[in-house]
Amino acid sequence: MSLTNNKSDRLYRRVADELADAIRKGTYVPGDKLPPERELAETFGVSRPTVREAMIALEIYGVVEIRHGSGIYVVAPERGDETPPAREDLNVGAFELIEARIIIEGETAAVAAAGVNDADIATLDTLIARMRNGDEAECEQADREFHSHLAGITENSALIDTIEHMWDLRTRSPLASQIMGRAQGGGRAARIEEHEKIVEALKSRDPAAARAAMRAHLEQVREYLLVATETAELESLRQKLRAQRDVLSRRTGY
C-alpha cells in the first residue's frame, strides 16, 4: 500500500506511506483508532502540520476516516482492494504551501515597498474593499488579486509567476484544496485587517515593515488552518486543560 514511489518525497507523503504500510501489515486493522497526532509527530520526528497533511491524504485515499469528536480510524478497503492506486496528483499540502508563501511573499512585499506608487496603493485599497463587501467567492478572488498585484509591483516576472503558481495550487492540488476547503469562510475579518497592515507598511515605503506584515499575515493563515483541521484528540486535550485551569483558579482565587 504505497502512496508514493519516492521515499525522498515530501514529508507528509513519507508519513502517510509508512502508516499505510503499517495498516497493510496488520499493525493497525479496520476499526482501530490511530495514536493521537502528538504521538505520531513524535514517532515520525515531524511537525503537527505534517502529520495532519498525512492524515488528510490517507482520508482522501479512503484508508482512514477522521471522525470529529472521536479521532482517526482505519477503515476497511472497498471491494477487497487493499492497495490504493499510487497517485502523484495530491501535489503539495496546504501547510507546506503556506511555508513557501511565508518565505517568498515576505521578501516580495519587501521588494514591493521600495517601488510602490500611489496608484498601486489605491488598487490595493480597492481590493481590500472588495474583500470586505463581497461574498466568499469575491473575497477569495480579491485576495488573490491583492497578492498578484503586490508581486507585479516588483516587476520581477519570476516572482510574479511563482506567486500565481502558488495560488493555483490552492485549488489544483487535491490535498491543499481539501485543507483549504475545511477552513473556507473563517477568519475573514482578521484577514482583511492583516491586509490593511500590509498596505500601511507599503505606504511608509518601509521594506522591513512590509516583510514583517506579510509574514505575520501568512503565519496567521497557517494558525487558522491548524485550528480548522484540528482533530478531536487535540480539542479533548484543550478541554481537559481548561478544566484543570478552572479547578486551579477556584482553589487559588485567581
Protein backbone atom coordinates (compact mmCIF):
# COMPACT_ATOMS: atom_id res chain seq x y z
CA MET A 1 0.00 0.00 0.00
CA SER A 2 2.12 2.87 -1.24
CA LEU A 3 1.08 6.44 -1.72
CA THR A 4 4.33 7.45 -3.35
CA ASN A 5 7.15 5.64 -5.07
CA ASN A 6 9.81 8.14 -4.00
CA LYS A 7 10.99 7.79 -0.41
CA SER A 8 12.78 11.15 -0.66
CA ASP A 9 9.44 12.80 -1.44
CA ARG A 10 7.61 15.26 0.77
CA LEU A 11 7.49 14.55 4.49
CA TYR A 12 3.72 14.17 4.68
CA ARG A 13 3.83 11.56 1.91
CA ARG A 14 6.51 9.58 3.71
CA VAL A 15 4.46 9.60 6.92
CA ALA A 16 1.33 8.57 5.01
CA ASP A 17 3.26 5.84 3.21
CA GLU A 18 4.63 4.37 6.44
CA LEU A 19 1.22 4.39 8.09
CA ALA A 20 -0.32 2.78 5.02
CA ASP A 21 2.36 0.07 5.14
CA ALA A 22 1.64 -0.50 8.85
CA ILE A 23 -2.04 -0.93 8.04
CA ARG A 24 -1.23 -3.36 5.23
CA LYS A 25 0.99 -5.41 7.59
CA GLY A 26 -1.73 -5.57 10.22
CA THR A 27 -0.19 -3.26 12.80
CA TYR A 28 -3.48 -1.38 12.56
CA VAL A 29 -6.61 -3.12 11.32
CA PRO A 30 -10.00 -1.77 10.22
CA GLY A 31 -11.76 -0.25 13.20
CA ASP A 32 -8.55 0.58 15.05
CA LYS A 33 -8.07 4.11 16.29
CA LEU A 34 -4.72 5.61 15.32
CA PRO A 35 -2.50 7.17 18.00
CA PRO A 36 -3.03 10.86 18.80
CA GLU A 37 -1.50 13.44 16.49
CA ARG A 38 1.12 14.50 19.04
CA GLU A 39 2.29 10.90 19.50
CA LEU A 40 2.52 10.35 15.73
CA ALA A 41 4.52 13.58 15.36
CA GLU A 42 7.00 12.35 17.97
CA THR A 43 7.19 8.87 16.43
CA PHE A 44 7.99 10.18 12.96
CA GLY A 45 10.02 13.18 14.10
CA VAL A 46 7.88 15.64 12.16
CA SER A 47 5.64 18.60 12.91
CA ARG A 48 1.91 18.60 13.68
CA PRO A 49 1.06 20.10 10.27
CA THR A 50 2.99 17.29 8.53
CA VAL A 51 1.04 14.63 10.45
CA ARG A 52 -2.21 16.43 9.72
CA GLU A 53 -1.50 16.53 5.98
CA ALA A 54 -0.62 12.83 6.07
CA MET A 55 -3.93 12.03 7.80
CA ILE A 56 -5.94 14.03 5.28
CA ALA A 57 -4.03 12.36 2.42
CA LEU A 58 -4.94 8.95 3.85
CA GLU A 59 -8.55 10.08 4.21
CA ILE A 60 -8.62 11.14 0.55
CA TYR A 61 -7.44 7.63 -0.36
CA GLY A 62 -10.11 6.05 1.85
CA VAL A 63 -7.53 4.45 4.16
CA VAL A 64 -8.68 6.24 7.31
CA GLU A 65 -11.73 8.14 8.48
CA ILE A 66 -11.43 11.33 10.54
CA ARG A 67 -14.36 11.28 12.96
CA HIS A 68 -14.83 14.64 14.59
CA GLY A 69 -15.46 14.21 18.27
CA SER A 70 -13.73 10.83 18.34
CA GLY A 71 -10.44 10.51 16.44
CA ILE A 72 -8.91 8.90 13.35
CA TYR A 73 -9.86 5.31 12.49
CA VAL A 74 -8.66 2.73 9.99
CA VAL A 75 -11.40 1.81 7.53
CA ALA A 76 -11.93 -1.41 5.60
CA PRO A 77 -10.81 -1.25 1.94
CA GLU A 78 -13.60 -1.15 -0.60
CA ARG A 79 -14.18 -4.10 -2.94
CA GLY A 80 -11.35 -6.05 -1.33
CA ASP A 81 -8.75 -3.65 -2.73
CA GLU A 82 -6.08 -3.29 -0.05
CA THR A 83 -3.76 -1.16 -2.16
CA PRO A 84 -4.98 2.24 -3.34
CA PRO A 85 -3.51 3.28 -6.68
CA ALA A 86 -0.34 5.35 -6.49
CA ARG A 87 -1.18 8.95 -7.32
CA GLU A 88 1.15 11.89 -7.71
CA ASP A 89 -1.68 14.37 -8.18
CA LEU A 90 -2.04 15.01 -4.45
CA ASN A 91 0.75 17.52 -5.03
CA VAL A 92 1.55 19.92 -2.19
CA GLY A 93 -0.29 20.21 1.09
CA ALA A 94 -1.72 23.47 2.38
CA PHE A 95 0.78 23.72 5.24
CA GLU A 96 3.89 23.34 3.11
CA LEU A 97 2.34 25.75 0.63
CA ILE A 98 1.90 28.32 3.41
CA GLU A 99 5.53 27.80 4.48
CA ALA A 100 6.66 28.58 0.93
CA ARG A 101 4.44 31.64 0.79
CA ILE A 102 5.85 32.98 4.07
CA ILE A 103 9.37 32.80 2.64
CA ILE A 104 8.64 34.07 -0.87
CA GLU A 105 5.84 36.57 -0.32
CA GLY A 106 7.53 38.11 2.68
CA GLU A 107 10.52 39.06 0.54
CA THR A 108 8.23 40.04 -2.33
CA ALA A 109 6.47 42.54 -0.07
CA ALA A 110 9.84 43.97 0.99
CA VAL A 111 10.87 44.50 -2.63
CA ALA A 112 7.47 45.97 -3.50
CA ALA A 113 7.77 48.52 -0.69
CA ALA A 114 10.71 50.08 -2.46
CA GLY A 115 8.85 50.51 -5.76
CA VAL A 116 5.20 51.04 -4.81
CA ASN A 117 3.41 54.19 -6.05
CA ASP A 118 0.17 55.92 -5.13
CA ALA A 119 -1.75 54.19 -7.93
CA ASP A 120 -0.67 50.79 -6.56
CA ILE A 121 -1.83 51.77 -3.09
CA ALA A 122 -5.21 52.82 -4.47
CA THR A 123 -5.56 49.50 -6.29
CA LEU A 124 -4.72 47.53 -3.16
CA ASP A 125 -7.20 49.57 -1.12
CA THR A 126 -9.90 48.81 -3.70
CA LEU A 127 -9.13 45.10 -3.49
CA ILE A 128 -9.43 45.18 0.29
CA ALA A 129 -12.84 46.87 -0.08
CA ARG A 130 -13.91 44.03 -2.39
CA MET A 131 -12.72 41.51 0.21
CA ARG A 132 -14.79 43.29 2.85
CA ASN A 133 -18.00 43.80 0.86
CA GLY A 134 -18.18 40.79 -1.47
CA ASP A 135 -19.37 37.25 -0.89
CA GLU A 136 -16.89 34.49 -0.10
CA ALA A 137 -16.03 33.83 -3.76
CA GLU A 138 -15.48 37.55 -4.40
CA CYS A 139 -13.38 37.83 -1.24
CA GLU A 140 -11.19 34.92 -2.38
CA GLN A 141 -10.73 36.41 -5.84
CA ALA A 142 -9.89 39.86 -4.47
CA ASP A 143 -7.44 38.26 -2.04
CA ARG A 144 -5.66 36.57 -4.94
CA GLU A 145 -5.59 39.79 -6.97
CA PHE A 146 -4.15 41.63 -3.96
CA HIS A 147 -1.17 39.27 -3.74
CA SER A 148 -0.76 39.17 -7.53
CA HIS A 149 -0.78 42.96 -7.80
CA LEU A 150 1.75 43.25 -4.99
CA ALA A 151 4.01 40.80 -6.86
CA GLY A 152 3.53 42.85 -10.03
CA ILE A 153 4.94 45.92 -8.28
CA THR A 154 8.33 44.16 -8.15
CA GLU A 155 8.40 43.91 -11.97
CA ASN A 156 10.12 40.55 -11.50
CA SER A 157 8.49 38.00 -13.78
CA ALA A 158 9.87 35.02 -11.83
CA LEU A 159 8.28 36.27 -8.61
CA ILE A 160 5.01 37.08 -10.38
CA ASP A 161 4.81 33.61 -11.97
CA THR A 162 5.79 31.86 -8.73
CA ILE A 163 3.10 33.59 -6.70
CA GLU A 164 0.48 32.92 -9.37
CA HIS A 165 1.51 29.26 -9.37
CA MET A 166 1.23 29.01 -5.59
CA TRP A 167 -2.29 30.41 -5.73
CA ASP A 168 -3.19 27.91 -8.46
CA LEU A 169 -2.00 25.08 -6.22
CA ARG A 170 -4.56 26.05 -3.57
CA THR A 171 -7.28 24.56 -5.79
CA ARG A 172 -5.35 22.36 -8.23
CA SER A 173 -3.74 20.19 -5.54
CA PRO A 174 -6.39 17.85 -4.07
CA LEU A 175 -4.65 17.79 -0.69
CA ALA A 176 -4.29 21.57 -0.44
CA SER A 177 -7.84 22.00 -1.69
CA GLN A 178 -9.20 19.61 0.98
CA ILE A 179 -7.48 21.50 3.78
CA MET A 180 -8.32 24.97 2.45
CA GLY A 181 -11.94 23.89 1.99
CA ARG A 182 -12.24 22.98 5.66
CA ALA A 183 -11.06 26.48 6.61
CA GLN A 184 -13.04 28.39 4.00
CA GLY A 185 -15.04 31.36 5.22
CA GLY A 186 -13.43 31.60 8.63
CA GLY A 187 -11.26 34.40 9.96
CA ARG A 188 -12.33 36.80 7.24
CA ALA A 189 -12.32 39.95 9.37
CA ALA A 190 -8.85 39.14 10.68
CA ARG A 191 -7.53 38.52 7.15
CA ILE A 192 -8.84 41.90 5.98
CA GLU A 193 -7.19 43.66 8.91
CA GLU A 194 -3.92 41.87 8.13
CA HIS A 195 -4.07 43.06 4.52
CA GLU A 196 -4.66 46.61 5.73
CA LYS A 197 -1.49 46.38 7.80
CA ILE A 198 0.43 45.27 4.73
CA VAL A 199 -0.83 48.32 2.83
CA GLU A 200 0.10 50.62 5.73
CA ALA A 201 3.65 49.24 5.61
CA LEU A 202 3.76 49.77 1.85
CA LYS A 203 2.56 53.36 2.25
CA SER A 204 5.51 54.03 4.54
CA ARG A 205 7.85 52.61 1.86
CA ASP A 206 9.43 50.51 4.61
CA PRO A 207 10.70 47.14 3.27
CA ALA A 208 11.28 45.66 6.75
CA ALA A 209 7.77 46.61 7.91
CA ALA A 210 6.22 45.25 4.69
CA ARG A 211 8.08 41.97 5.06
CA ALA A 212 7.00 41.65 8.70
CA ALA A 213 3.35 42.48 7.90
CA MET A 214 3.17 39.92 5.10
CA ARG A 215 4.84 37.22 7.16
CA ALA A 216 2.54 37.95 10.11
CA HIS A 217 -0.50 37.63 7.83
CA LEU A 218 0.59 34.29 6.39
CA GLU A 219 1.62 32.94 9.78
CA GLN A 220 -1.90 33.71 10.99
CA VAL A 221 -3.32 31.87 7.97
CA ARG A 222 -1.22 28.87 8.98
CA GLU A 223 -2.52 29.05 12.55
CA TYR A 224 -6.11 29.26 11.32
CA LEU A 225 -5.59 26.19 9.13
CA LEU A 226 -4.30 24.32 12.18
CA VAL A 227 -7.42 25.23 14.13
CA ALA A 228 -9.75 24.41 11.23
CA THR A 229 -8.26 20.93 10.74
CA GLU A 230 -7.78 20.04 14.38
CA THR A 231 -8.74 16.51 15.34
CA ALA A 232 -10.93 15.71 18.29
CA GLU A 233 -7.88 14.42 20.20
CA LEU A 234 -6.50 17.96 20.44
CA GLU A 235 -9.85 19.52 21.25
CA SER A 236 -10.33 16.96 24.02
CA LEU A 237 -6.90 17.79 25.41
CA ARG A 238 -7.70 21.50 25.28
CA GLN A 239 -10.94 20.95 27.20
CA LYS A 240 -9.09 18.96 29.88
CA LEU A 241 -6.53 21.74 30.25
CA ARG A 242 -9.32 24.30 30.58
CA ALA A 243 -10.97 22.20 33.26
CA GLN A 244 -7.69 21.88 35.14
CA ARG A 245 -7.17 25.64 34.98
CA ASP A 246 -10.72 26.21 36.24
CA VAL A 247 -10.12 23.91 39.21
CA LEU A 248 -6.82 25.66 39.98
CA SER A 249 -8.49 29.05 39.67
CA ARG A 250 -11.21 28.08 42.14
CA ARG A 251 -8.66 26.77 44.60
CA THR A 252 -6.35 29.77 44.41
CA GLY A 253 -8.91 32.51 43.85
CA TYR A 254 -7.09 33.71 40.69
